[in-house]
Amino acid sequence: MNGEMPGPRDDHSAVVYNESMVIFGGFTEGKKTNLLHSYDLSSGEWVQLDVEGGPSARSGHTATQHHDKMVVFGGIDKY
């Protein structure tokens, strides 16, 4: 496995798109996050992606893939 694997988390969402699994948000290290990571299923490489203009930090949301976008809906962005 290459790249830096994201830390443990719960209440995040994940989609699979073009040989990659993309995970967003969740609850990690005692707080909500809006980190976005991609895992290449072929190479085993993790990459942290930019979320500029993306959703606020949240957990308990859902997500789906629509064309080349990951669409996030709902969840909790406050404690």
PDB file of N, CA and C in Angstrom:
ATOM      1  N   MET A   1       0.846  -1.183   0.000  1.00  0.00           N
ATOM      2  CA  MET A   1       0.000   0.000   0.000  1.00  0.00           C
ATOM      3  C   MET A   1       0.885   1.238   0.000  1.00  0.00           C
ATOM      4  N   ASN A   2       0.556   2.190  -0.839  1.00  0.00           N
ATOM      5  CA  ASN A   2       1.296   3.442  -0.957  1.00  0.00           C
ATOM      6  C   ASN A   2       0.459   4.590  -0.416  1.00  0.00           C
ATOM      7  N   GLY A   3       1.100   5.733  -0.192  1.00  0.00           N
ATOM      8  CA  GLY A   3       0.391   6.897   0.304  1.00  0.00           C
ATOM      9  C   GLY A   3       0.056   6.735   1.770  1.00  0.00           C
ATOM     10  N   GLU A   4      -0.422   7.824   2.364  1.00  0.00           N
ATOM     11  CA  GLU A   4      -0.763   7.792   3.784  1.00  0.00           C
ATOM     12  C   GLU A   4      -2.227   7.414   3.966  1.00  0.00           C
ATOM     13  N   MET A   5      -2.458   6.263   4.607  1.00  0.00           N
ATOM     14  CA  MET A   5      -3.801   5.783   4.858  1.00  0.00           C
ATOM     15  C   MET A   5      -4.498   6.711   5.856  1.00  0.00           C
ATOM     16  N   PRO A   6      -5.775   7.034   5.624  1.00  0.00           N
ATOM     17  CA  PRO A   6      -6.494   7.878   6.580  1.00  0.00           C
ATOM     18  C   PRO A   6      -6.652   7.159   7.912  1.00  0.00           C
ATOM     19  N   GLY A   7      -6.797   7.937   8.980  1.00  0.00           N
ATOM     20  CA  GLY A   7      -6.976   7.367  10.303  1.00  0.00           C
ATOM     21  C   GLY A   7      -8.328   6.690  10.452  1.00  0.00           C
ATOM     22  N   PRO A   8      -8.497   5.950  11.538  1.00  0.00           N
ATOM     23  CA  PRO A   8      -9.784   5.275  11.770  1.00  0.00           C
ATOM     24  C   PRO A   8     -10.903   6.287  11.943  1.00  0.00           C
ATOM     25  N   ARG A   9     -12.095   5.918  11.516  1.00  0.00           N
ATOM     26  CA  ARG A   9     -13.246   6.818  11.617  1.00  0.00           C
ATOM     27  C   ARG A   9     -14.525   6.005  11.570  1.00  0.00           C
ATOM     28  N   ASP A  10     -15.610   6.629  12.001  1.00  0.00           N
ATOM     29  CA  ASP A  10     -16.925   6.017  11.854  1.00  0.00           C
ATOM     30  C   ASP A  10     -17.909   7.071  11.359  1.00  0.00           C
ATOM     31  N   ASP A  11     -19.086   6.619  10.993  1.00  0.00           N
ATOM     32  CA  ASP A  11     -20.144   7.496  10.463  1.00  0.00           C
ATOM     33  C   ASP A  11     -19.712   8.269   9.225  1.00  0.00           C
ATOM     34  N   HIS A  12     -18.810   7.711   8.421  1.00  0.00           N
ATOM     35  CA  HIS A  12     -18.379   8.325   7.164  1.00  0.00           C
ATOM     36  C   HIS A  12     -19.192   7.724   6.010  1.00  0.00           C
ATOM     37  N   SER A  13     -18.923   8.156   4.799  1.00  0.00           N
ATOM     38  CA  SER A  13     -19.554   7.560   3.624  1.00  0.00           C
ATOM     39  C   SER A  13     -18.471   7.174   2.627  1.00  0.00           C
ATOM     40  N   ALA A  14     -18.832   6.259   1.739  1.00  0.00           N
ATOM     41  CA  ALA A  14     -17.882   5.795   0.725  1.00  0.00           C
ATOM     42  C   ALA A  14     -18.632   5.452  -0.556  1.00  0.00           C
ATOM     43  N   VAL A  15     -17.985   5.710  -1.682  1.00  0.00           N
ATOM     44  CA  VAL A  15     -18.492   5.295  -2.990  1.00  0.00           C
ATOM     45  C   VAL A  15     -17.332   4.671  -3.762  1.00  0.00           C
ATOM     46  N   VAL A  16     -17.669   3.835  -4.727  1.00  0.00           N
ATOM     47  CA  VAL A  16     -16.658   3.259  -5.618  1.00  0.00           C
ATOM     48  C   VAL A  16     -16.881   3.846  -7.006  1.00  0.00           C
ATOM     49  N   TYR A  17     -15.787   4.345  -7.596  1.00  0.00           N
ATOM     50  CA  TYR A  17     -15.868   4.974  -8.911  1.00  0.00           C
ATOM     51  C   TYR A  17     -14.560   4.753  -9.656  1.00  0.00           C
ATOM     52  N   ASN A  18     -14.637   4.240 -10.883  1.00  0.00           N
ATOM     53  CA  ASN A  18     -13.447   4.048 -11.736  1.00  0.00           C
ATOM     54  C   ASN A  18     -12.270   3.418 -10.994  1.00  0.00           C
ATOM     55  N   GLU A  19     -12.466   2.251 -10.426  1.00  0.00           N
ATOM     56  CA  GLU A  19     -11.384   1.513  -9.756  1.00  0.00           C
ATOM     57  C   GLU A  19     -10.861   2.182  -8.498  1.00  0.00           C
ATOM     58  N   SER A  20     -11.621   3.123  -7.926  1.00  0.00           N
ATOM     59  CA  SER A  20     -11.221   3.775  -6.688  1.00  0.00           C
ATOM     60  C   SER A  20     -12.380   3.783  -5.699  1.00  0.00           C
ATOM     61  N   MET A  21     -12.038   3.681  -4.412  1.00  0.00           N
ATOM     62  CA  MET A  21     -13.007   3.886  -3.350  1.00  0.00           C
ATOM     63  C   MET A  21     -12.728   5.267  -2.774  1.00  0.00           C
ATOM     64  N   VAL A  22     -13.755   6.090  -2.675  1.00  0.00           N
ATOM     65  CA  VAL A  22     -13.620   7.444  -2.158  1.00  0.00           C
ATOM     66  C   VAL A  22     -14.397   7.526  -0.852  1.00  0.00           C
ATOM     67  N   ILE A  23     -13.721   7.980   0.223  1.00  0.00           N
ATOM     68  CA  ILE A  23     -14.390   8.120   1.517  1.00  0.00           C
ATOM     69  C   ILE A  23     -14.413   9.591   1.914  1.00  0.00           C
ATOM     70  N   PHE A  24     -15.514   9.985   2.567  1.00  0.00           N
ATOM     71  CA  PHE A  24     -15.676  11.375   2.973  1.00  0.00           C
ATOM     72  C   PHE A  24     -16.169  11.458   4.403  1.00  0.00           C
ATOM     73  N   GLY A  25     -15.604  12.407   5.137  1.00  0.00           N
ATOM     74  CA  GLY A  25     -16.109  12.810   6.438  1.00  0.00           C
ATOM     75  C   GLY A  25     -16.082  11.744   7.500  1.00  0.00           C
ATOM     76  N   GLY A  26     -17.005  11.872   8.411  1.00  0.00           N
ATOM     77  CA  GLY A  26     -17.109  10.954   9.528  1.00  0.00           C
ATOM     78  C   GLY A  26     -16.602  11.561  10.818  1.00  0.00           C
ATOM     79  N   PHE A  27     -16.437  10.711  11.778  1.00  0.00           N
ATOM     80  CA  PHE A  27     -16.027  11.097  13.120  1.00  0.00           C
ATOM     81  C   PHE A  27     -14.686  10.431  13.407  1.00  0.00           C
ATOM     82  N   THR A  28     -13.641  11.243  13.644  1.00  0.00           N
ATOM     83  CA  THR A  28     -12.306  10.703  13.891  1.00  0.00           C
ATOM     84  C   THR A  28     -11.583  11.565  14.917  1.00  0.00           C
ATOM     85  N   GLU A  29     -10.819  10.923  15.762  1.00  0.00           N
ATOM     86  CA  GLU A  29     -10.030  11.619  16.784  1.00  0.00           C
ATOM     87  C   GLU A  29     -10.872  12.614  17.588  1.00  0.00           C
ATOM     88  N   GLY A  30     -12.095  12.224  17.922  1.00  0.00           N
ATOM     89  CA  GLY A  30     -12.942  13.047  18.772  1.00  0.00           C
ATOM     90  C   GLY A  30     -13.660  14.200  18.107  1.00  0.00           C
ATOM     91  N   LYS A  31     -13.608  14.283  16.768  1.00  0.00           N
ATOM     92  CA  LYS A  31     -14.308  15.380  16.088  1.00  0.00           C
ATOM     93  C   LYS A  31     -14.757  14.969  14.691  1.00  0.00           C
ATOM     94  N   LYS A  32     -15.717  15.737  14.167  1.00  0.00           N
ATOM     95  CA  LYS A  32     -16.173  15.501  12.792  1.00  0.00           C
ATOM     96  C   LYS A  32     -15.119  16.030  11.821  1.00  0.00           C
ATOM     97  N   THR A  33     -15.078  15.437  10.643  1.00  0.00           N
ATOM     98  CA  THR A  33     -14.092  15.840   9.648  1.00  0.00           C
ATOM     99  C   THR A  33     -14.754  15.995   8.283  1.00  0.00           C
ATOM    100  N   ASN A  34     -14.120  16.746   7.411  1.00  0.00           N
ATOM    101  CA  ASN A  34     -14.565  16.792   6.015  1.00  0.00           C
ATOM    102  C   ASN A  34     -13.433  16.338   5.089  1.00  0.00           C
ATOM    103  N   LEU A  35     -12.541  15.518   5.619  1.00  0.00           N
ATOM    104  CA  LEU A  35     -11.448  14.989   4.795  1.00  0.00           C
ATOM    105  C   LEU A  35     -12.002  14.048   3.733  1.00  0.00           C
ATOM    106  N   LEU A  36     -11.389  14.090   2.573  1.00  0.00           N
ATOM    107  CA  LEU A  36     -11.774  13.270   1.429  1.00  0.00           C
ATOM    108  C   LEU A  36     -10.549  12.487   0.978  1.00  0.00           C
ATOM    109  N   HIS A  37     -10.664  11.170   0.949  1.00  0.00           N
ATOM    110  CA  HIS A  37      -9.553  10.305   0.546  1.00  0.00           C
ATOM    111  C   HIS A  37     -10.000   9.370  -0.566  1.00  0.00           C
ATOM    112  N   SER A  38      -9.066   9.028  -1.432  1.00  0.00           N
ATOM    113  CA  SER A  38      -9.305   8.078  -2.496  1.00  0.00           C
ATOM    114  C   SER A  38      -8.321   6.915  -2.359  1.00  0.00           C
ATOM    115  N   TYR A  39      -8.836   5.702  -2.518  1.00  0.00           N
ATOM    116  CA  TYR A  39      -8.006   4.501  -2.478  1.00  0.00           C
ATOM    117  C   TYR A  39      -8.084   3.826  -3.840  1.00  0.00           C
ATOM    118  N   ASP A  40      -6.962   3.744  -4.533  1.00  0.00           N
ATOM    119  CA  ASP A  40      -6.898   3.097  -5.846  1.00  0.00           C
ATOM    120  C   ASP A  40      -6.896   1.591  -5.631  1.00  0.00           C
ATOM    121  N   LEU A  41      -7.956   0.914  -6.058  1.00  0.00           N
ATOM    122  CA  LEU A  41      -8.099  -0.516  -5.826  1.00  0.00           C
ATOM    123  C   LEU A  41      -7.079  -1.347  -6.601  1.00  0.00           C
ATOM    124  N   SER A  42      -6.518  -0.801  -7.668  1.00  0.00           N
ATOM    125  CA  SER A  42      -5.513  -1.524  -8.453  1.00  0.00           C
ATOM    126  C   SER A  42      -4.112  -1.396  -7.871  1.00  0.00           C
ATOM    127  N   SER A  43      -3.717  -0.175  -7.515  1.00  0.00           N
ATOM    128  CA  SER A  43      -2.346   0.059  -7.045  1.00  0.00           C
ATOM    129  C   SER A  43      -2.207   0.003  -5.532  1.00  0.00           C
ATOM    130  N   GLY A  44      -3.327   0.113  -4.808  1.00  0.00           N
ATOM    131  CA  GLY A  44      -3.266   0.145  -3.349  1.00  0.00           C
ATOM    132  C   GLY A  44      -2.790   1.474  -2.798  1.00  0.00           C
ATOM    133  N   GLU A  45      -2.912   2.541  -3.578  1.00  0.00           N
ATOM    134  CA  GLU A  45      -2.428   3.860  -3.164  1.00  0.00           C
ATOM    135  C   GLU A  45      -3.558   4.723  -2.600  1.00  0.00           C
ATOM    136  N   TRP A  46      -3.286   5.341  -1.436  1.00  0.00           N
ATOM    137  CA  TRP A  46      -4.188   6.318  -0.826  1.00  0.00           C
ATOM    138  C   TRP A  46      -3.754   7.717  -1.232  1.00  0.00           C
ATOM    139  N   VAL A  47      -4.727   8.602  -1.506  1.00  0.00           N
ATOM    140  CA  VAL A  47      -4.457  10.001  -1.819  1.00  0.00           C
ATOM    141  C   VAL A  47      -5.501  10.847  -1.091  1.00  0.00           C
ATOM    142  N   GLN A  48      -5.051  11.908  -0.416  1.00  0.00           N
ATOM    143  CA  GLN A  48      -5.996  12.859   0.169  1.00  0.00           C
ATOM    144  C   GLN A  48      -6.352  13.869  -0.900  1.00  0.00           C
ATOM    145  N   LEU A  49      -7.656  14.063  -1.125  1.00  0.00           N
ATOM    146  CA  LEU A  49      -8.143  14.952  -2.176  1.00  0.00           C
ATOM    147  C   LEU A  49      -8.574  16.291  -1.596  1.00  0.00           C
ATOM    148  N   ASP A  50      -8.629  17.294  -2.435  1.00  0.00           N
ATOM    149  CA  ASP A  50      -9.050  18.642  -2.054  1.00  0.00           C
ATOM    150  C   ASP A  50     -10.574  18.704  -1.959  1.00  0.00           C
ATOM    151  N   VAL A  51     -11.094  19.341  -0.915  1.00  0.00           N
ATOM    152  CA  VAL A  51     -12.545  19.497  -0.763  1.00  0.00           C
ATOM    153  C   VAL A  51     -12.961  20.963  -0.824  1.00  0.00           C
ATOM    154  N   GLU A  52     -12.165  21.793  -1.453  1.00  0.00           N
ATOM    155  CA  GLU A  52     -12.492  23.220  -1.534  1.00  0.00           C
ATOM    156  C   GLU A  52     -13.899  23.398  -2.082  1.00  0.00           C
ATOM    157  N   GLY A  53     -14.712  24.124  -1.337  1.00  0.00           N
ATOM    158  CA  GLY A  53     -16.093  24.341  -1.745  1.00  0.00           C
ATOM    159  C   GLY A  53     -17.004  23.162  -1.446  1.00  0.00           C
ATOM    160  N   GLY A  54     -16.470  22.133  -0.780  1.00  0.00           N
ATOM    161  CA  GLY A  54     -17.258  20.949  -0.459  1.00  0.00           C
ATOM    162  C   GLY A  54     -18.050  21.120   0.826  1.00  0.00           C
ATOM    163  N   PRO A  55     -18.709  20.054   1.258  1.00  0.00           N
ATOM    164  CA  PRO A  55     -19.522  20.113   2.475  1.00  0.00           C
ATOM    165  C   PRO A  55     -18.688  20.402   3.721  1.00  0.00           C
ATOM    166  N   SER A  56     -19.354  20.943   4.728  1.00  0.00           N
ATOM    167  CA  SER A  56     -18.694  21.139   6.018  1.00  0.00           C
ATOM    168  C   SER A  56     -18.421  19.779   6.660  1.00  0.00           C
ATOM    169  N   ALA A  57     -17.599  19.790   7.698  1.00  0.00           N
ATOM    170  CA  ALA A  57     -17.319  18.554   8.425  1.00  0.00           C
ATOM    171  C   ALA A  57     -18.636  17.973   8.926  1.00  0.00           C
ATOM    172  N   ARG A  58     -18.811  16.646   8.752  1.00  0.00           N
ATOM    173  CA  ARG A  58     -20.069  16.025   9.145  1.00  0.00           C
ATOM    174  C   ARG A  58     -19.900  14.527   9.355  1.00  0.00           C
ATOM    175  N   SER A  59     -20.881  13.953  10.017  1.00  0.00           N
ATOM    176  CA  SER A  59     -20.933  12.506  10.211  1.00  0.00           C
ATOM    177  C   SER A  59     -22.375  12.054  10.044  1.00  0.00           C
ATOM    178  N   GLY A  60     -22.572  10.765   9.862  1.00  0.00           N
ATOM    179  CA  GLY A  60     -23.909  10.211   9.745  1.00  0.00           C
ATOM    180  C   GLY A  60     -24.627  10.561   8.455  1.00  0.00           C
ATOM    181  N   HIS A  61     -23.916  10.975   7.432  1.00  0.00           N
ATOM    182  CA  HIS A  61     -24.496  11.353   6.148  1.00  0.00           C
ATOM    183  C   HIS A  61     -24.542  10.135   5.223  1.00  0.00           C
ATOM    184  N   THR A  62     -25.046  10.364   4.044  1.00  0.00           N
ATOM    185  CA  THR A  62     -25.045   9.337   3.012  1.00  0.00           C
ATOM    186  C   THR A  62     -24.436   9.939   1.749  1.00  0.00           C
ATOM    187  N   ALA A  63     -24.009   9.091   0.842  1.00  0.00           N
ATOM    188  CA  ALA A  63     -23.406   9.584  -0.403  1.00  0.00           C
ATOM    189  C   ALA A  63     -23.703   8.611  -1.537  1.00  0.00           C
ATOM    190  N   THR A  64     -23.694   9.161  -2.731  1.00  0.00           N
ATOM    191  CA  THR A  64     -23.825   8.356  -3.926  1.00  0.00           C
ATOM    192  C   THR A  64     -22.913   8.946  -4.989  1.00  0.00           C
ATOM    193  N   GLN A  65     -22.640   8.180  -6.006  1.00  0.00           N
ATOM    194  CA  GLN A  65     -21.820   8.660  -7.116  1.00  0.00           C
ATOM    195  C   GLN A  65     -22.764   8.990  -8.264  1.00  0.00           C
ATOM    196  N   HIS A  66     -22.627  10.186  -8.840  1.00  0.00           N
ATOM    197  CA  HIS A  66     -23.429  10.618  -9.981  1.00  0.00           C
ATOM    198  C   HIS A  66     -22.479  11.147 -11.043  1.00  0.00           C
ATOM    199  N   HIS A  67     -22.382  10.451 -12.158  1.00  0.00           N
ATOM    200  CA  HIS A  67     -21.398  10.734 -13.197  1.00  0.00           C
ATOM    201  C   HIS A  67     -20.009  10.745 -12.549  1.00  0.00           C
ATOM    202  N   ASP A  68     -19.294  11.856 -12.583  1.00  0.00           N
ATOM    203  CA  ASP A  68     -17.948  11.884 -11.999  1.00  0.00           C
ATOM    204  C   ASP A  68     -17.914  12.634 -10.666  1.00  0.00           C
ATOM    205  N   LYS A  69     -19.058  12.736  -9.985  1.00  0.00           N
ATOM    206  CA  LYS A  69     -19.158  13.466  -8.720  1.00  0.00           C
ATOM    207  C   LYS A  69     -19.586  12.542  -7.595  1.00  0.00           C
ATOM    208  N   MET A  70     -19.120  12.838  -6.378  1.00  0.00           N
ATOM    209  CA  MET A  70     -19.623  12.195  -5.172  1.00  0.00           C
ATOM    210  C   MET A  70     -20.604  13.177  -4.548  1.00  0.00           C
ATOM    211  N   VAL A  71     -21.861  12.778  -4.427  1.00  0.00           N
ATOM    212  CA  VAL A  71     -22.907  13.639  -3.889  1.00  0.00           C
ATOM    213  C   VAL A  71     -23.170  13.221  -2.448  1.00  0.00           C
ATOM    214  N   VAL A  72     -23.006  14.167  -1.505  1.00  0.00           N
ATOM    215  CA  VAL A  72     -23.199  13.922  -0.080  1.00  0.00           C
ATOM    216  C   VAL A  72     -24.513  14.563   0.342  1.00  0.00           C
ATOM    217  N   PHE A  73     -25.305  13.835   1.149  1.00  0.00           N
ATOM    218  CA  PHE A  73     -26.603  14.346   1.588  1.00  0.00           C
ATOM    219  C   PHE A  73     -26.771  14.125   3.086  1.00  0.00           C
ATOM    220  N   GLY A  74     -27.278  15.142   3.771  1.00  0.00           N
ATOM    221  CA  GLY A  74     -27.659  15.012   5.167  1.00  0.00           C
ATOM    222  C   GLY A  74     -26.500  14.909   6.133  1.00  0.00           C
ATOM    223  N   GLY A  75     -26.755  14.221   7.227  1.00  0.00           N
ATOM    224  CA  GLY A  75     -25.761  14.063   8.263  1.00  0.00           C
ATOM    225  C   GLY A  75     -25.841  15.168   9.304  1.00  0.00           C
ATOM    226  N   ILE A  76     -24.900  15.129  10.213  1.00  0.00           N
ATOM    227  CA  ILE A  76     -24.849  16.078  11.320  1.00  0.00           C
ATOM    228  C   ILE A  76     -23.549  16.874  11.212  1.00  0.00           C
ATOM    229  N   ASP A  77     -23.658  18.196  11.136  1.00  0.00           N
ATOM    230  CA  ASP A  77     -22.446  19.018  11.078  1.00  0.00           C
ATOM    231  C   ASP A  77     -22.208  19.780  12.374  1.00  0.00           C
ATOM    232  N   LYS A  78     -23.060  19.576  13.364  1.00  0.00           N
ATOM    233  CA  LYS A  78     -22.886  20.179  14.696  1.00  0.00           C
ATOM    234  C   LYS A  78     -22.877  19.061  15.715  1.00  0.00           C
ATOM    235  N   TYR A  79     -22.383  19.344  16.909  1.00  0.00           N
ATOM    236  CA  TYR A  79     -22.374  18.317  17.960  1.00  0.00           C
ATOM    237  C   TYR A  79     -23.718  18.188  18.604  1.00  0.00           C
TER     238      TYR A  79
END
